[in-house]
Amino acid sequence: MPPSHKKAMMAIESCRTPALGGHVYHCNKCSRDCYSYHSCKSRYCPQCQNEQADQWLAKQEQLLLNVPHFLVTFTLPAELRSLARSRQKTVYNILMRTSAQALLTLTENRKYLGGMVGIISVLQTWTRDLRYHPHVHMLVCGGSLSQDRQSWLSLRYPYLVPQKALARVFAGKFRHALKKVDLLKGIPTRIWKQSWVVDVLAVGSGQSALRYLAPYIFRVAISNRRILSLDQGKVTFQFKDSKSQQQRIAVLLAEHFIHRFLQHVLPHRFIKVRTYGLFSPKRRHLLQLAKRFVGLAVPQNSGKQLQTTAYPRTIDCPHCKTPMQYIGELPRIKVASTGRSP
């Protein structure tokens, strides 16, 4: 088991327990104490990171231009998933880099846009029932800054770029990248002849697509509310079927559930959100130029101040609903050398 998996498991086990410390409150009316423990703040914990997702969303909304946007999804073929699972950091980097290169190559072509677009790229590795399914979601602005930087080039067609052409360029760049790192051996040649799956969907201003992507940035695979029960060594959880859009129930042995969950824990320090083109930090000066041409889209939460969460000095008693008095901070409890939290 990789160290990243062990670290994720310990964080989830310790979350909101005495192991991480916290705060204690006292009710003067019913003489009860209430303990509020710290969260683990792991991006793999189903309980944490709501606040960070909101902050990320507000920051990314500032990148949006007053133009149509598209959600582009690049899916890794099933035949390459075993390779991706065994060489995660290498293949995930290739997947994110070549998908962006493929899109930039076509959008820079004068036949389509002829300039530089902005891209926010997010890696996702799971389906709604936690199966392994590596793919990349990209939010792309519908238009580009001209190569001479003198104008904004609007869409020529009601679509961004042709899906089939984009898929062919993506497959070619992915194959070339695997060859450079000597991972092409043993892969059946038929994979490079088959049609790869790339979806391009118009998403209006792009704000709804950002809200769709935000939960995937700071959480992984499943939230606590979807876990219905743990009984006799089996985990029952619900998920929405992507085809029928109906809620379905899955029952897995606990070990199988843990396996499905952990395969989505990314390699140490892997960056799962990347920006390219106009949205790249190195090209923000070009983004400002583009904003002067088309204007900045006004985010729906414009003017909303996101505040960091602080522990309140008083909370209501869960028993008598009387405001409780803040007593003080609880120290962390040292974890035993067994590698498990208490």
Foldseek 3Di string as FASTA:
>chain_A
DDPLLLVLVQLQQCAFHLQQWFFKWADPPVGDIDTTGHGSLALAHLVDDPLVLVVVLVVVLQLFFQAWKKKKKFWDDPLCQVVCLVVVQLLVVLQQVLLVVLLQVQCCDPVWAVAWKKKKKFWAQADLVLAGITMIIIIIGQWHQHPVNPAITHTPDPFRGDFQSSQLSSLVSSLVSCVVVVNNPPRDPVVNVDGGDMDMGTDGRCSVVSVVCSSVQRYHNDHPVQFDDQDPQKTKGWGQDPPVRDIDIDIDGNVVVSVSSSSRRHPPPRHRIAMDTCNHPVNVVSSVSVCVRGNRDQDPCPPPDRDDDDDDQWAADPPPRHIIGTDTITHRDDADPVSHRD
